[in-house]
C-alpha atoms as a PDB file:
ATOM      1  CA  UNK A   1     -14.224  -9.401   9.860  1.00  0.00           C
ATOM      2  CA  UNK A   2     -12.078  -7.762  12.557  1.00  0.00           C
ATOM      3  CA  UNK A   3     -14.929  -8.106  15.034  1.00  0.00           C
ATOM      4  CA  UNK A   4     -17.157  -5.627  13.175  1.00  0.00           C
ATOM      5  CA  UNK A   5     -20.758  -6.531  12.530  1.00  0.00           C
ATOM      6  CA  UNK A   6     -22.906  -5.419   9.642  1.00  0.00           C
ATOM      7  CA  UNK A   7     -24.339  -2.447  11.533  1.00  0.00           C
ATOM      8  CA  UNK A   8     -20.924  -1.162  12.562  1.00  0.00           C
ATOM      9  CA  UNK A   9     -19.654  -1.279   8.980  1.00  0.00           C
ATOM     10  CA  UNK A  10     -22.779   0.523   7.748  1.00  0.00           C
ATOM     11  CA  UNK A  11     -22.330   3.182  10.435  1.00  0.00           C
ATOM     12  CA  UNK A  12     -18.679   3.736   9.404  1.00  0.00           C
ATOM     13  CA  UNK A  13     -19.680   4.037   5.742  1.00  0.00           C
ATOM     14  CA  UNK A  14     -22.423   6.514   6.666  1.00  0.00           C
ATOM     15  CA  UNK A  15     -20.000   8.667   8.667  1.00  0.00           C
ATOM     16  CA  UNK A  16     -17.488   8.685   5.799  1.00  0.00           C
ATOM     17  CA  UNK A  17     -20.245   9.636   3.375  1.00  0.00           C
ATOM     18  CA  UNK A  18     -21.360  12.487   5.649  1.00  0.00           C
ATOM     19  CA  UNK A  19     -17.815  13.772   6.160  1.00  0.00           C
ATOM     20  CA  UNK A  20     -16.653  13.744   2.550  1.00  0.00           C
ATOM     21  CA  UNK A  21     -19.869  13.816   0.560  1.00  0.00           C
ATOM     22  CA  UNK A  22     -20.711  11.733  -2.480  1.00  0.00           C
ATOM     23  CA  UNK A  23     -18.868  14.023  -4.902  1.00  0.00           C
ATOM     24  CA  UNK A  24     -15.494  13.635  -3.135  1.00  0.00           C
ATOM     25  CA  UNK A  25     -15.590   9.856  -2.603  1.00  0.00           C
ATOM     26  CA  UNK A  26     -14.198   8.908  -6.056  1.00  0.00           C
ATOM     27  CA  UNK A  27     -11.249  11.277  -5.607  1.00  0.00           C
ATOM     28  CA  UNK A  28     -10.668   9.941  -2.097  1.00  0.00           C
ATOM     29  CA  UNK A  29     -10.679   6.338  -3.342  1.00  0.00           C
ATOM     30  CA  UNK A  30      -8.345   7.248  -6.195  1.00  0.00           C
ATOM     31  CA  UNK A  31      -5.848   8.935  -3.880  1.00  0.00           C
ATOM     32  CA  UNK A  32      -5.921   5.992  -1.450  1.00  0.00           C
ATOM     33  CA  UNK A  33      -5.340   3.618  -4.367  1.00  0.00           C
ATOM     34  CA  UNK A  34      -2.370   5.665  -5.604  1.00  0.00           C
ATOM     35  CA  UNK A  35      -0.916   5.712  -2.110  1.00  0.00           C
ATOM     36  CA  UNK A  36      -1.176   1.940  -1.766  1.00  0.00           C
ATOM     37  CA  UNK A  37       0.345   1.488  -5.244  1.00  0.00           C
ATOM     38  CA  UNK A  38       3.287   3.767  -4.382  1.00  0.00           C
ATOM     39  CA  UNK A  39       3.794   1.969  -1.072  1.00  0.00           C
ATOM     40  CA  UNK A  40       3.944  -1.424  -2.807  1.00  0.00           C
ATOM     41  CA  UNK A  41       6.333  -0.041  -5.431  1.00  0.00           C
ATOM     42  CA  UNK A  42       8.594   1.419  -2.747  1.00  0.00           C
ATOM     43  CA  UNK A  43       8.619  -1.794  -0.735  1.00  0.00           C
ATOM     44  CA  UNK A  44       9.467  -3.813  -3.832  1.00  0.00           C
ATOM     45  CA  UNK A  45      12.263  -1.408  -4.780  1.00  0.00           C
ATOM     46  CA  UNK A  46      13.614  -1.497  -1.229  1.00  0.00           C
ATOM     47  CA  UNK A  47      13.546  -5.298  -1.271  1.00  0.00           C
ATOM     48  CA  UNK A  48      15.426  -5.360  -4.576  1.00  0.00           C
ATOM     49  CA  UNK A  49      18.099  -3.030  -3.166  1.00  0.00           C
ATOM     50  CA  UNK A  50      18.450  -5.160  -0.030  1.00  0.00           C
ATOM     51  CA  UNK A  51      18.818  -8.278  -2.159  1.00  0.00           C
ATOM     52  CA  UNK A  52      21.545  -6.598  -4.231  1.00  0.00           C
ATOM     53  CA  UNK A  53      23.432  -5.564  -1.088  1.00  0.00           C
ATOM     54  CA  UNK A  54      23.283  -9.129   0.233  1.00  0.00           C
ATOM     55  CA  UNK A  55      24.749 -10.460  -3.019  1.00  0.00           C
ATOM     56  CA  UNK A  56      27.599  -7.941  -2.910  1.00  0.00           C
ATOM     57  CA  UNK A  57      28.381  -8.655   0.752  1.00  0.00           C
ATOM     58  CA  UNK A  58      28.373 -12.434   0.297  1.00  0.00           C
ATOM     59  CA  UNK A  59      30.395 -12.295  -2.925  1.00  0.00           C
ATOM     60  CA  UNK A  60      27.776 -14.071  -5.047  1.00  0.00           C
ATOM     61  CA  UNK A  61      28.306 -11.811  -8.057  1.00  0.00           C
ATOM     62  CA  UNK A  62      30.279 -13.140 -10.992  1.00  0.00           C
ATOM     63  CA  UNK A  63      33.707 -11.554 -11.357  1.00  0.00           C
ATOM     64  CA  UNK A  64      34.571 -13.169 -14.686  1.00  0.00           C
ATOM     65  CA  UNK A  65      36.671 -10.607 -16.546  1.00  0.00           C
END
């Protein structure tokens, strides 16, 4: 996994635990999760807008009046 061994991963987890403490870890995980969720939502919305622009530029929309 990315060239990290078991001891390196345990050392990283230990450093994070020492820096933030056990009481702040749930809030940290929650905020990271919200950030990832917002990023995915923004990317999806941006992709939808790009797709709409492509349809308008290529004239794929129905103009049946």
